[in-house]
Amino acid sequence: SIMTCGYDPYLSSWSTFHGGYYAVIESIAKVVALGGDFRKVRLTFQEYFERLEEDPTRWAKPFTALLGAFMVQKKLDIPSIGGKDSMSGSFEDIDVPPTLVSFAVTTEHIKNIVSREFKRVNSQVVLVKLNMDEKGLVDFEELKKNYSKVKELIDGGHVLASSTIKFGGIARAISEMAFGNKIGFEFNPEILDSIYKPLYGSIILEIEEGKDLESLLAGVDYSILGKTIENE
């Protein structure tokens, strides 16, 4: 059984629409990184918002968050089968941040499950990038292509470790992957200017040294982040 979650309070406070939108994408991306099939995912939402009262602006927050979440569901044909909501997140002059947490659930055969910690030294580490447009939205055809390719690679035994990118960007994801087995990492200098961007929906893969990346990743937008090294 696979169960993941997605939510960024900072993103949701900036834009409730993008908060709900990327909560769903993040939860689905984590399923894919673990080895699951995004097409078989079902969702459930946990919503928590400030007391709405008679303020139209407050009422707009849950509406736009759900609109963002619904857009992803509609584009990917993935339903939300349940959830829980509360509109009482206020105490005196303190309000909770707009909150829509997406939980994604599915099942997968144990032989296809991949964990996030680096497994070997001298591995190639690549980013399968999900690009965003000027409005901060993704191309869902690219998303489907990327996630189908990652699933194909994992099922084929080509992926040693994988992780999603979230708040903290590539730098956070690579750090967490390195800590697990105390395997160090050497960055490709060309990508250092973008390692803190929260590239929601993008996935990092550890692929064995010597494997032909051009052949394995044909048809998707990828970049080489660097390689694993012996030093911690």
Protein backbone atom coordinates (compact mmCIF):
# COMPACT_ATOMS: atom_id res chain seq x y z
CA SER A 1 0.00 0.00 0.00
CA ILE A 2 1.20 3.51 -0.85
CA MET A 3 -0.10 6.65 0.83
CA THR A 4 1.44 10.07 0.32
CA CYS A 5 0.52 13.68 1.06
CA GLY A 6 1.07 17.10 -0.48
CA TYR A 7 0.78 20.61 0.96
CA ASP A 8 2.92 23.76 1.25
CA PRO A 9 1.56 26.40 3.68
CA TYR A 10 3.77 29.12 2.20
CA LEU A 11 2.54 28.49 -1.33
CA SER A 12 -1.06 28.25 -0.13
CA SER A 13 -0.77 31.55 1.74
CA TRP A 14 0.52 33.22 -1.45
CA SER A 15 -2.16 31.70 -3.69
CA THR A 16 -4.90 29.37 -2.50
CA PHE A 17 -5.48 28.22 -6.09
CA HIS A 18 -1.84 27.20 -6.57
CA GLY A 19 -1.83 25.71 -3.07
CA GLY A 20 -4.64 23.28 -3.88
CA TYR A 21 -3.31 22.67 -7.39
CA TYR A 22 0.19 21.69 -6.27
CA ALA A 23 -0.97 19.83 -3.17
CA VAL A 24 -2.57 17.30 -5.53
CA ILE A 25 0.40 17.24 -7.92
CA GLU A 26 2.87 16.79 -5.05
CA SER A 27 0.94 13.90 -3.55
CA ILE A 28 0.74 12.17 -6.95
CA ALA A 29 4.43 12.81 -7.71
CA LYS A 30 5.41 11.13 -4.44
CA VAL A 31 3.43 8.03 -5.45
CA VAL A 32 5.28 7.95 -8.77
CA ALA A 33 8.67 8.38 -7.08
CA LEU A 34 7.89 5.41 -4.82
CA GLY A 35 7.11 3.23 -7.84
CA GLY A 36 3.32 3.60 -8.06
CA ASP A 37 1.21 4.23 -11.14
CA PHE A 38 -0.37 7.70 -11.13
CA ARG A 39 -3.28 6.42 -13.25
CA LYS A 40 -4.40 4.16 -10.40
CA VAL A 41 -4.31 6.81 -7.67
CA ARG A 42 -7.34 7.84 -5.62
CA LEU A 43 -7.36 10.99 -3.50
CA THR A 44 -8.76 12.23 -0.23
CA PHE A 45 -8.53 15.84 0.99
CA GLN A 46 -8.11 17.39 4.42
CA GLU A 47 -9.21 21.03 4.40
CA TYR A 48 -8.76 23.55 7.19
CA PHE A 49 -9.58 27.24 6.78
CA GLU A 50 -10.18 30.30 8.91
CA ARG A 51 -13.70 31.10 10.13
CA LEU A 52 -15.52 32.42 7.06
CA GLU A 53 -18.20 34.61 8.64
CA GLU A 54 -19.67 37.10 6.12
CA ASP A 55 -16.39 38.05 4.43
CA PRO A 56 -16.37 37.29 0.65
CA THR A 57 -12.55 37.22 0.64
CA ARG A 58 -12.53 34.49 3.29
CA TRP A 59 -15.16 32.51 1.40
CA ALA A 60 -13.02 32.73 -1.75
CA LYS A 61 -10.10 30.88 -0.14
CA PRO A 62 -11.63 27.39 0.16
CA PHE A 63 -13.40 27.91 -3.17
CA THR A 64 -10.20 28.73 -5.09
CA ALA A 65 -8.18 26.02 -3.28
CA LEU A 66 -10.76 23.41 -4.32
CA LEU A 67 -10.83 24.87 -7.83
CA GLY A 68 -7.06 24.34 -8.13
CA ALA A 69 -7.33 20.80 -6.81
CA PHE A 70 -10.25 20.04 -9.11
CA MET A 71 -8.37 21.26 -12.17
CA VAL A 72 -5.65 18.63 -11.58
CA GLN A 73 -8.22 15.90 -10.95
CA LYS A 74 -10.10 16.82 -14.13
CA LYS A 75 -6.96 16.89 -16.28
CA LEU A 76 -5.72 13.53 -14.97
CA ASP A 77 -9.13 11.88 -14.53
CA ILE A 78 -8.33 11.06 -10.89
CA PRO A 79 -11.19 11.24 -8.35
CA SER A 80 -11.21 12.31 -4.73
CA ILE A 81 -13.23 9.66 -2.90
CA GLY A 82 -13.53 11.36 0.47
CA GLY A 83 -12.14 13.95 2.84
CA LYS A 84 -12.76 16.16 5.84
CA ASP A 85 -13.09 19.91 6.15
CA SER A 86 -13.20 22.52 8.90
CA MET A 87 -13.96 26.22 8.58
CA SER A 88 -13.20 27.10 12.19
CA GLY A 89 -9.47 27.75 12.11
CA SER A 90 -9.57 31.10 13.91
CA PHE A 91 -8.78 32.13 17.47
CA GLU A 92 -9.21 35.81 18.36
CA ASP A 93 -7.03 37.55 15.71
CA ILE A 94 -5.09 34.44 14.64
CA ASP A 95 -6.05 32.41 11.56
CA VAL A 96 -4.63 29.15 10.23
CA PRO A 97 -2.97 29.36 6.81
CA PRO A 98 -5.29 28.24 4.01
CA THR A 99 -4.98 24.45 4.11
CA LEU A 100 -5.86 21.82 1.55
CA VAL A 101 -3.79 18.69 2.12
CA SER A 102 -4.03 16.09 -0.62
CA PHE A 103 -3.55 12.42 0.27
CA ALA A 104 -2.93 10.02 -2.61
CA VAL A 105 -3.43 6.27 -2.14
CA THR A 106 -2.85 3.23 -4.33
CA THR A 107 -1.22 -0.21 -4.26
CA GLU A 108 1.85 -1.59 -6.03
CA HIS A 109 3.84 -4.82 -6.11
CA ILE A 110 6.69 -4.76 -3.59
CA LYS A 111 9.32 -5.48 -6.29
CA ASN A 112 8.53 -2.10 -7.88
CA ILE A 113 8.92 0.00 -4.71
CA VAL A 114 11.89 2.41 -4.68
CA SER A 115 13.09 4.36 -1.64
CA ARG A 116 14.68 7.81 -1.73
CA GLU A 117 18.16 7.29 -0.20
CA PHE A 118 21.15 7.00 -2.57
CA LYS A 119 22.26 3.40 -3.00
CA ARG A 120 25.66 3.50 -4.73
CA VAL A 121 28.73 5.64 -5.35
CA ASN A 122 29.34 7.08 -8.86
CA SER A 123 25.67 6.86 -9.82
CA GLN A 124 24.21 9.31 -12.32
CA VAL A 125 21.59 11.57 -10.78
CA VAL A 126 19.08 13.21 -13.09
CA LEU A 127 16.13 15.55 -12.84
CA VAL A 128 12.98 14.69 -14.78
CA LYS A 129 11.65 18.21 -14.96
CA LEU A 130 8.00 19.27 -15.03
CA ASN A 131 8.01 22.75 -16.56
CA MET A 132 5.73 25.60 -15.47
CA ASP A 133 4.28 28.39 -17.61
CA GLU A 134 4.15 32.12 -16.81
CA LYS A 135 1.10 31.54 -14.59
CA GLY A 136 2.88 28.87 -12.56
CA LEU A 137 0.86 26.03 -14.10
CA VAL A 138 2.06 22.79 -15.67
CA ASP A 139 1.48 21.05 -18.99
CA PHE A 140 -0.49 17.94 -18.08
CA GLU A 141 0.53 16.11 -21.25
CA GLU A 142 4.16 16.56 -20.17
CA LEU A 143 3.25 15.40 -16.66
CA LYS A 144 1.64 12.22 -17.99
CA LYS A 145 4.63 11.55 -20.24
CA ASN A 146 7.13 12.14 -17.40
CA TYR A 147 5.30 9.99 -14.86
CA SER A 148 4.75 7.18 -17.37
CA LYS A 149 8.48 7.22 -18.18
CA VAL A 150 9.47 7.11 -14.49
CA LYS A 151 7.10 4.19 -13.93
CA GLU A 152 8.59 2.39 -16.95
CA LEU A 153 12.16 2.94 -15.66
CA ILE A 154 11.33 1.78 -12.13
CA ASP A 155 9.52 -1.34 -13.36
CA GLY A 156 12.52 -2.06 -15.59
CA GLY A 157 14.89 -1.97 -12.61
CA HIS A 158 16.81 1.08 -13.84
CA VAL A 159 16.12 3.38 -10.86
CA LEU A 160 18.15 2.91 -7.66
CA ALA A 161 16.55 5.80 -5.73
CA SER A 162 14.04 8.53 -6.44
CA SER A 163 12.65 11.60 -4.74
CA THR A 164 10.26 14.43 -5.48
CA ILE A 165 11.08 18.13 -5.27
CA LYS A 166 9.10 20.29 -2.89
CA PHE A 167 9.69 23.29 -0.60
CA GLY A 168 13.47 23.62 -0.38
CA GLY A 169 14.02 22.60 -3.98
CA ILE A 170 16.66 20.30 -5.43
CA ALA A 171 19.05 21.17 -2.58
CA ARG A 172 16.70 19.76 0.06
CA ALA A 173 15.83 16.66 -1.97
CA ILE A 174 19.48 15.80 -2.71
CA SER A 175 20.42 16.36 0.95
CA GLU A 176 17.72 13.97 2.14
CA MET A 177 18.77 11.39 -0.45
CA ALA A 178 22.40 11.68 0.69
CA PHE A 179 21.72 11.40 4.43
CA GLY A 180 20.11 7.94 4.28
CA ASN A 181 23.21 5.90 3.48
CA LYS A 182 25.77 8.67 4.11
CA ILE A 183 26.63 8.84 0.41
CA GLY A 184 27.86 12.23 -0.75
CA PHE A 185 26.94 14.18 -3.87
CA GLU A 186 28.78 16.37 -6.36
CA PHE A 187 26.61 18.92 -8.17
CA ASN A 188 26.85 19.74 -11.83
CA PRO A 189 27.91 23.46 -11.64
CA GLU A 190 25.48 24.39 -14.41
CA ILE A 191 22.40 23.77 -12.26
CA LEU A 192 23.54 25.53 -9.07
CA ASP A 193 21.49 28.65 -9.80
CA SER A 194 18.23 26.69 -9.58
CA ILE A 195 18.73 24.28 -6.69
CA TYR A 196 16.43 26.13 -4.28
CA LYS A 197 13.43 26.50 -6.59
CA PRO A 198 10.39 24.47 -5.45
CA LEU A 199 9.92 22.56 -8.71
CA TYR A 200 6.73 20.79 -7.65
CA GLY A 201 6.00 17.69 -9.68
CA SER A 202 9.60 17.20 -10.83
CA ILE A 203 11.35 13.96 -9.83
CA ILE A 204 15.02 13.14 -9.14
CA LEU A 205 16.32 9.69 -10.14
CA GLU A 206 19.50 7.85 -9.20
CA ILE A 207 20.57 5.70 -12.16
CA GLU A 208 23.47 3.28 -12.18
CA GLU A 209 26.83 4.39 -13.53
CA GLY A 210 27.32 3.53 -17.20
CA LYS A 211 23.64 3.38 -18.15
CA ASP A 212 22.77 5.24 -21.38
CA LEU A 213 20.68 8.17 -20.15
CA GLU A 214 19.85 9.43 -23.62
CA SER A 215 18.24 6.12 -24.46
CA LEU A 216 16.56 5.55 -21.10
CA LEU A 217 15.08 9.05 -20.89
CA ALA A 218 14.18 9.52 -24.54
CA GLY A 219 11.11 11.71 -24.96
CA VAL A 220 11.25 13.56 -21.63
CA ASP A 221 12.91 16.80 -20.52
CA TYR A 222 15.75 15.82 -18.20
CA SER A 223 19.00 17.29 -16.93
CA ILE A 224 22.01 15.80 -15.16
CA LEU A 225 22.20 17.12 -11.60
CA GLY A 226 25.53 15.45 -10.76
CA LYS A 227 26.83 12.20 -9.36
CA THR A 228 27.09 10.39 -6.04
CA ILE A 229 30.54 10.28 -4.42
CA GLU A 230 32.26 8.26 -1.73
CA ASN A 231 32.75 11.13 0.72
CA GLU A 232 29.82 11.72 3.05
